[in-house]
Amino acid sequence: MGVRGLLIDLLELYEIIIVLSVVLSWFPVTNPGGTLHEIRIILGRLTEPVLGPIRRVMPAIGGGGVRLDLSPLIVILVIQLLLIPIIAR
């Protein structure tokens, strides 16, 4: 597999983690300490170091109670841009 293949796999796995984090954020936590809550905590610990700084630079857009956080989209776009030259080799 090599370093190149490992890097590709890790970047793609991180994209999946971001998407899971986004999807799970749509569901309210009804049981603090439950499985869903624990999964969200783990995903937050994995994604917040990357998403947090982007959120601080570019806050969520929208209004009227509906806010759209674009930081996951930006990170996925950057990952895709990083993957292009890696895969093209």
C-alpha atoms as a PDB file:
ATOM      1  CA  MET A   1       0.000   0.000   0.000  1.00  0.00           C
ATOM      2  CA  GLY A   2       2.711   2.474   0.892  1.00  0.00           C
ATOM      3  CA  VAL A   3       2.638   5.914   2.413  1.00  0.00           C
ATOM      4  CA  ARG A   4       0.650   7.347  -0.505  1.00  0.00           C
ATOM      5  CA  GLY A   5      -2.143   4.793  -0.111  1.00  0.00           C
ATOM      6  CA  LEU A   6      -2.215   5.264   3.648  1.00  0.00           C
ATOM      7  CA  LEU A   7      -2.481   9.037   3.254  1.00  0.00           C
ATOM      8  CA  ILE A   8      -5.350   8.662   0.791  1.00  0.00           C
ATOM      9  CA  ASP A   9      -7.166   6.275   3.140  1.00  0.00           C
ATOM     10  CA  LEU A  10      -6.697   8.569   6.145  1.00  0.00           C
ATOM     11  CA  LEU A  11      -7.960  11.637   4.293  1.00  0.00           C
ATOM     12  CA  GLU A  12     -10.992   9.737   3.012  1.00  0.00           C
ATOM     13  CA  LEU A  13     -11.679   8.353   6.494  1.00  0.00           C
ATOM     14  CA  TYR A  14     -11.536  11.879   7.915  1.00  0.00           C
ATOM     15  CA  GLU A  15     -14.101  12.986   5.329  1.00  0.00           C
ATOM     16  CA  ILE A  16     -16.411  10.188   6.469  1.00  0.00           C
ATOM     17  CA  ILE A  17     -15.931  11.222  10.102  1.00  0.00           C
ATOM     18  CA  ILE A  18     -16.869  14.815   9.211  1.00  0.00           C
ATOM     19  CA  VAL A  19     -19.990  13.695   7.331  1.00  0.00           C
ATOM     20  CA  LEU A  20     -21.049  11.443  10.237  1.00  0.00           C
ATOM     21  CA  SER A  21     -20.543  14.326  12.647  1.00  0.00           C
ATOM     22  CA  VAL A  22     -22.704  16.614  10.512  1.00  0.00           C
ATOM     23  CA  VAL A  23     -25.491  14.054  10.096  1.00  0.00           C
ATOM     24  CA  LEU A  24     -25.565  13.199  13.807  1.00  0.00           C
ATOM     25  CA  SER A  25     -25.735  16.905  14.671  1.00  0.00           C
ATOM     26  CA  TRP A  26     -29.199  16.963  13.091  1.00  0.00           C
ATOM     27  CA  PHE A  27     -30.571  14.652  15.805  1.00  0.00           C
ATOM     28  CA  PRO A  28     -31.194  15.948  19.321  1.00  0.00           C
ATOM     29  CA  VAL A  29     -29.520  14.178  22.228  1.00  0.00           C
ATOM     30  CA  THR A  30     -32.397  12.857  24.319  1.00  0.00           C
ATOM     31  CA  ASN A  31     -30.256  10.684  26.584  1.00  0.00           C
ATOM     32  CA  PRO A  32     -27.092  12.406  27.839  1.00  0.00           C
ATOM     33  CA  GLY A  33     -24.527   9.695  28.436  1.00  0.00           C
ATOM     34  CA  GLY A  34     -26.229   7.420  25.912  1.00  0.00           C
ATOM     35  CA  THR A  35     -24.619   5.852  22.866  1.00  0.00           C
ATOM     36  CA  LEU A  36     -25.534   8.655  20.461  1.00  0.00           C
ATOM     37  CA  HIS A  37     -24.185  11.238  22.881  1.00  0.00           C
ATOM     38  CA  GLU A  38     -20.915   9.322  23.318  1.00  0.00           C
ATOM     39  CA  ILE A  39     -20.477   8.948  19.551  1.00  0.00           C
ATOM     40  CA  ARG A  40     -21.040  12.682  19.077  1.00  0.00           C
ATOM     41  CA  ILE A  41     -18.421  13.445  21.739  1.00  0.00           C
ATOM     42  CA  ILE A  42     -15.861  11.190  20.031  1.00  0.00           C
ATOM     43  CA  LEU A  43     -16.594  12.660  16.605  1.00  0.00           C
ATOM     44  CA  GLY A  44     -16.362  16.170  18.057  1.00  0.00           C
ATOM     45  CA  ARG A  45     -12.947  15.422  19.526  1.00  0.00           C
ATOM     46  CA  LEU A  46     -11.780  14.217  16.122  1.00  0.00           C
ATOM     47  CA  THR A  47     -13.226  17.062  14.070  1.00  0.00           C
ATOM     48  CA  GLU A  48     -13.149  20.140  16.308  1.00  0.00           C
ATOM     49  CA  PRO A  49      -9.361  20.692  16.074  1.00  0.00           C
ATOM     50  CA  VAL A  50      -9.804  21.231  12.328  1.00  0.00           C
ATOM     51  CA  LEU A  51     -13.314  22.701  12.146  1.00  0.00           C
ATOM     52  CA  GLY A  52     -12.998  25.040  15.157  1.00  0.00           C
ATOM     53  CA  PRO A  53     -10.381  27.395  13.689  1.00  0.00           C
ATOM     54  CA  ILE A  54     -12.372  27.640  10.457  1.00  0.00           C
ATOM     55  CA  ARG A  55     -15.543  28.477  12.418  1.00  0.00           C
ATOM     56  CA  ARG A  56     -13.704  31.281  14.210  1.00  0.00           C
ATOM     57  CA  VAL A  57     -12.560  32.802  10.909  1.00  0.00           C
ATOM     58  CA  MET A  58     -15.819  32.212   9.058  1.00  0.00           C
ATOM     59  CA  PRO A  59     -18.875  32.142  11.327  1.00  0.00           C
ATOM     60  CA  ALA A  60     -22.087  30.362  10.382  1.00  0.00           C
ATOM     61  CA  ILE A  61     -24.339  32.065   7.865  1.00  0.00           C
ATOM     62  CA  GLY A  62     -28.077  32.572   8.000  1.00  0.00           C
ATOM     63  CA  GLY A  63     -30.519  34.031  10.422  1.00  0.00           C
ATOM     64  CA  GLY A  64     -33.964  33.674  11.883  1.00  0.00           C
ATOM     65  CA  GLY A  65     -32.976  30.701  14.004  1.00  0.00           C
ATOM     66  CA  VAL A  66     -31.471  28.793  11.080  1.00  0.00           C
ATOM     67  CA  ARG A  67     -27.677  28.911  11.031  1.00  0.00           C
ATOM     68  CA  LEU A  68     -25.592  27.047   8.478  1.00  0.00           C
ATOM     69  CA  ASP A  69     -22.059  26.064   9.470  1.00  0.00           C
ATOM     70  CA  LEU A  70     -19.962  25.816   6.301  1.00  0.00           C
ATOM     71  CA  SER A  71     -16.753  24.682   8.009  1.00  0.00           C
ATOM     72  CA  PRO A  72     -17.320  20.951   7.269  1.00  0.00           C
ATOM     73  CA  LEU A  73     -17.879  21.753   3.598  1.00  0.00           C
ATOM     74  CA  ILE A  74     -14.693  23.826   3.478  1.00  0.00           C
ATOM     75  CA  VAL A  75     -12.612  21.061   5.099  1.00  0.00           C
ATOM     76  CA  ILE A  76     -14.010  18.428   2.737  1.00  0.00           C
ATOM     77  CA  LEU A  77     -13.242  20.689  -0.222  1.00  0.00           C
ATOM     78  CA  VAL A  78      -9.657  21.186   0.995  1.00  0.00           C
ATOM     79  CA  ILE A  79      -9.251  17.442   1.487  1.00  0.00           C
ATOM     80  CA  GLN A  80     -10.477  16.834  -2.053  1.00  0.00           C
ATOM     81  CA  LEU A  81      -8.026  19.417  -3.371  1.00  0.00           C
ATOM     82  CA  LEU A  82      -5.232  17.668  -1.468  1.00  0.00           C
ATOM     83  CA  LEU A  83      -6.265  14.270  -2.828  1.00  0.00           C
ATOM     84  CA  ILE A  84      -6.175  15.331  -6.496  1.00  0.00           C
ATOM     85  CA  PRO A  85      -2.386  15.505  -6.847  1.00  0.00           C
ATOM     86  CA  ILE A  86      -1.857  12.515  -4.532  1.00  0.00           C
ATOM     87  CA  ILE A  87      -4.142  10.268  -6.574  1.00  0.00           C
ATOM     88  CA  ALA A  88      -2.897  11.634  -9.923  1.00  0.00           C
ATOM     89  CA  ARG A  89       0.669  10.433  -9.251  1.00  0.00           C
END
